[in-house]
Protein backbone atom coordinates (compact mmCIF):
# COMPACT_ATOMS: atom_id res chain seq x y z
CA MET A 1 48.42 108.27 42.49
CA SER A 2 49.36 107.96 46.17
CA THR A 3 46.74 106.99 48.72
CA GLU A 4 46.75 110.40 50.37
CA MET A 5 46.27 112.16 47.03
CA CYS A 6 43.46 109.75 46.25
CA MET A 7 41.83 110.63 49.58
CA LEU A 8 42.21 114.32 48.69
CA VAL A 9 40.48 113.83 45.34
CA TRP A 10 37.68 111.76 46.92
CA SER A 11 37.28 114.46 49.56
CA VAL A 12 36.66 116.97 46.78
CA VAL A 13 33.98 114.64 45.41
CA LEU A 14 32.47 114.34 48.89
CA GLY A 15 32.42 118.13 49.19
CA LEU A 16 30.63 118.48 45.86
CA VAL A 17 28.06 115.88 46.92
CA GLN A 18 27.47 117.73 50.18
CA ILE A 19 27.02 121.02 48.31
CA ALA A 20 24.51 119.39 45.94
CA ILE A 21 22.54 117.82 48.80
CA ALA A 22 22.47 121.08 50.76
CA ALA A 23 21.39 123.04 47.69
CA THR A 24 18.60 120.57 46.99
CA GLY A 25 17.36 120.92 50.56
CA LEU A 26 17.60 124.70 50.38
CA ILE A 27 15.45 124.72 47.25
CA ALA A 28 12.95 122.39 48.93
CA GLN A 29 12.57 124.73 51.92
CA HIS A 30 12.94 128.17 50.31
CA GLY A 31 11.70 127.49 46.79
CA MET A 32 13.28 127.76 43.38
CA ALA A 33 12.38 131.45 43.01
CA TRP A 34 14.47 132.34 46.06
CA ALA A 35 17.34 130.06 44.98
CA VAL A 36 17.67 131.62 41.52
CA GLY A 37 16.75 135.15 42.63
CA PRO A 38 18.96 137.90 44.05
CA ARG A 39 18.60 136.49 47.61
CA ASP A 40 18.00 139.91 49.08
CA GLY A 41 17.17 139.89 52.76
CA GLU A 42 17.64 137.16 55.30
CA PRO A 43 15.98 133.83 54.53
CA LYS A 44 14.34 131.75 57.22
CA PRO A 45 16.84 129.35 58.81
CA LEU A 46 16.91 125.88 57.32
CA THR A 47 15.26 123.38 59.65
CA GLY A 48 15.32 119.67 60.42
CA VAL A 49 17.47 117.33 58.37
CA VAL A 50 17.98 119.99 55.71
CA GLY A 51 19.44 122.37 58.29
CA ARG A 52 21.70 119.65 59.68
CA LEU A 53 22.92 118.70 56.20
CA ASP A 54 23.68 122.34 55.47
CA ARG A 55 25.62 122.67 58.73
CA ALA A 56 27.53 119.45 57.90
CA ARG A 57 28.45 121.00 54.53
CA HIS A 58 29.60 124.16 56.27
CA ASN A 59 31.68 122.12 58.72
CA PHE A 60 33.29 120.24 55.82
CA LEU A 61 34.23 123.53 54.20
CA GLU A 62 35.91 124.59 57.46
CA THR A 63 38.10 121.49 57.73
CA PHE A 64 38.78 120.63 54.10
CA PRO A 65 41.24 123.49 53.38
CA LEU A 66 43.37 122.38 56.33
CA PHE A 67 43.36 118.79 55.09
CA ALA A 68 44.12 119.84 51.52
CA VAL A 69 47.07 122.03 52.56
CA ALA A 70 48.49 119.25 54.76
CA VAL A 71 48.26 116.64 51.99
CA LEU A 72 49.62 118.99 49.34
CA ALA A 73 52.50 119.98 51.65
CA ALA A 74 53.34 116.29 52.08
CA TYR A 75 53.30 115.92 48.30
CA VAL A 76 55.50 118.97 47.68
CA LEU A 77 57.94 117.88 50.40
CA GLN A 78 57.91 114.36 48.94
CA ARG A 79 56.88 112.86 52.26
CA HIS A 80 55.02 109.60 52.08
CA ASP A 81 54.77 107.33 55.09
CA ALA A 82 52.23 105.15 56.87
CA MET A 83 51.14 107.94 59.23
CA ILE A 84 50.35 110.31 56.35
CA VAL A 85 48.39 107.58 54.57
CA LEU A 86 46.47 106.63 57.71
CA GLY A 87 45.79 110.28 58.57
CA ALA A 88 44.40 110.95 55.10
CA GLN A 89 42.24 107.84 55.25
CA LEU A 90 40.95 108.73 58.71
CA TYR A 91 40.03 112.23 57.55
CA PHE A 92 38.17 111.03 54.46
CA TRP A 93 36.26 108.14 56.02
CA ALA A 94 35.38 110.19 59.11
CA ARG A 95 33.99 112.93 56.86
CA VAL A 96 31.95 110.31 54.99
CA ALA A 97 30.56 109.02 58.31
CA TYR A 98 29.97 112.56 59.61
CA VAL A 99 27.25 113.36 57.08
CA PRO A 100 24.73 110.64 58.05
CA ALA A 101 25.57 111.00 61.76
CA TYR A 102 24.85 114.73 61.62
CA ALA A 103 21.77 114.28 59.43
CA ALA A 104 20.40 111.75 61.93
CA GLY A 105 21.08 114.14 64.82
CA ILE A 106 23.38 111.76 66.71
CA SER A 107 25.22 114.47 68.66
CA TYR A 108 27.93 112.66 70.60
CA LEU A 109 28.74 110.23 67.80
CA ARG A 110 28.91 113.13 65.34
CA THR A 111 31.37 114.93 67.61
CA LEU A 112 33.50 111.80 67.98
CA ILE A 113 33.58 111.35 64.21
CA TRP A 114 34.57 115.01 63.79
CA ALA A 115 37.41 114.48 66.29
CA VAL A 116 38.66 111.50 64.25
CA SER A 117 38.74 113.67 61.12
CA ILE A 118 40.75 116.32 62.96
CA ALA A 119 43.10 113.63 64.27
CA GLY A 120 43.64 112.59 60.65
CA ILE A 121 44.72 116.11 59.72
CA VAL A 122 47.03 116.25 62.75
CA MET A 123 48.60 112.91 61.77
CA VAL A 124 49.39 114.22 58.28
CA LEU A 125 50.85 117.41 59.73
CA ALA A 126 52.87 115.56 62.39
CA SER A 127 54.60 113.57 59.66
CA LEU A 128 55.81 116.77 58.05
CA PHE A 129 57.96 117.80 61.03
C-alpha cells in the first residue's frame, strides 16, 4: 500500500477514534438516556474539554472528505510523487496533533496545526495538475 493510501486509512481510524471520544463525552454530559433516546428538542451545548473535542471531531469531518477525494484522485490517476506523499503525511499528522491542541484550548497553535493540515491537502491537489 502506498504511503498516501496508508495515511488515508489511518485518517479513517483517527476519525473513528474522534467520534468515539466525542460520543463518550456527550454521554457524560447529557446522560445515557438522552444518548439512546429520540433526542427530541435541543440539548444543552457541550462544555469544556468535551465541547472542544466535539468541535475537533466536527472540524475533522469537514476536512476529511477533501483529503480523501484528493488522495483517491491521485490513486485513480496513478500519480505518486514526493509532494503527494508529504502532503498526505502532513494532513494526517497535523490532524493527530490538532485533537490535543484543541482539547487543551491552545487557540493559535490549534489554528496553525489546522493550516498545516489544509496545506497537506493543497499539496496533494497541486500534484494532480
